Protein backbone atom coordinates (compact mmCIF):
# COMPACT_ATOMS: atom_id res chain seq x y z
CA MET A 1 -5.02 -40.27 75.99
CA ILE A 2 -1.71 -38.55 75.27
CA ASN A 3 0.86 -40.73 73.52
CA ASP A 4 4.32 -39.92 74.87
CA SER A 5 6.77 -41.71 72.60
CA SER A 6 9.67 -40.99 74.95
CA ASN A 7 8.43 -43.89 77.06
CA GLU A 8 9.32 -46.21 74.19
CA LEU A 9 13.03 -45.32 74.27
CA VAL A 10 15.47 -47.91 75.62
CA PHE A 11 12.81 -50.63 75.78
CA GLY A 12 10.53 -48.58 78.01
CA LEU A 13 13.15 -47.89 80.67
CA TRP A 14 13.94 -44.35 79.51
CA PRO A 15 11.86 -42.45 82.13
CA PHE A 16 13.75 -44.24 84.92
CA LEU A 17 17.15 -44.01 83.23
CA LYS A 18 16.68 -40.33 82.47
CA ARG A 19 16.08 -39.48 86.11
CA ALA A 20 19.08 -41.49 87.23
CA LEU A 21 21.31 -40.06 84.51
CA LEU A 22 20.29 -36.48 85.30
CA LEU A 23 21.64 -37.05 88.80
CA LEU A 24 24.68 -39.21 88.13
CA ILE A 25 26.26 -37.93 84.91
CA PRO A 26 26.92 -34.39 86.19
CA LEU A 27 28.40 -35.84 89.36
CA TRP A 28 30.65 -38.22 87.42
CA VAL A 29 31.75 -35.51 84.99
CA TYR A 30 32.49 -33.15 87.87
CA LEU A 31 34.57 -35.76 89.67
CA ILE A 32 36.47 -36.66 86.50
CA CYS A 33 37.27 -33.01 85.78
CA TRP A 34 38.19 -32.33 89.38
CA SER A 35 40.47 -35.37 89.61
CA ALA A 36 42.11 -34.31 86.33
CA GLY A 37 43.16 -31.10 88.06
CA ALA A 38 40.65 -28.67 86.55
CA PRO A 39 39.59 -25.75 88.78
CA TYR A 40 36.31 -26.11 90.67
CA PHE A 41 34.63 -23.46 88.54
CA VAL A 42 35.54 -25.16 85.26
CA SER A 43 34.57 -28.58 86.61
CA SER A 44 31.14 -27.34 87.65
CA ILE A 45 30.48 -25.66 84.30
CA VAL A 46 31.46 -28.79 82.36
CA ALA A 47 29.29 -30.91 84.67
CA GLY A 48 26.33 -28.58 84.08
CA LEU A 49 26.81 -28.77 80.33
CA SER A 50 26.77 -32.56 80.48
CA VAL A 51 23.06 -32.44 81.33
CA ALA A 52 22.36 -31.07 77.86
CA THR A 53 23.72 -34.25 76.27
CA ILE A 54 20.92 -36.25 77.89
CA VAL A 55 18.28 -33.90 76.52
CA PHE A 56 19.86 -33.89 73.04
CA TYR A 57 20.01 -37.70 73.05
CA GLU A 58 16.30 -37.90 73.89
CA LYS A 59 15.35 -35.43 71.15
CA TYR A 60 17.55 -37.23 68.61
CA LYS A 61 15.99 -40.62 69.37
CA LEU A 62 12.46 -39.17 69.26
CA LYS A 63 13.17 -37.69 65.83
CA GLN A 64 14.40 -41.09 64.66
CA ILE A 65 11.25 -42.79 65.94
CA SER A 66 8.96 -40.22 64.32
CA ALA A 67 10.88 -40.50 61.02
CA ASN A 68 10.51 -44.29 61.09
CA GLU A 69 6.78 -44.02 61.81
CA ASP A 70 6.30 -41.63 58.86
CA ASP A 71 7.92 -44.06 56.40
């Protein structure tokens, strides 16, 4: 059986949170940028880049878990 340690993030809720965040964070960022008066093009680029923060967070937490297991 394959052990996917990403399921252990955020008390086992990470798979569900990740899917919700991948939908909601870009929308929220887009709306914040748009309401701040940024052009549509800039707002959409910033919203697209916000998805990368979710992926980087997951990789960072997985590295922390693997470092703790090695100790």
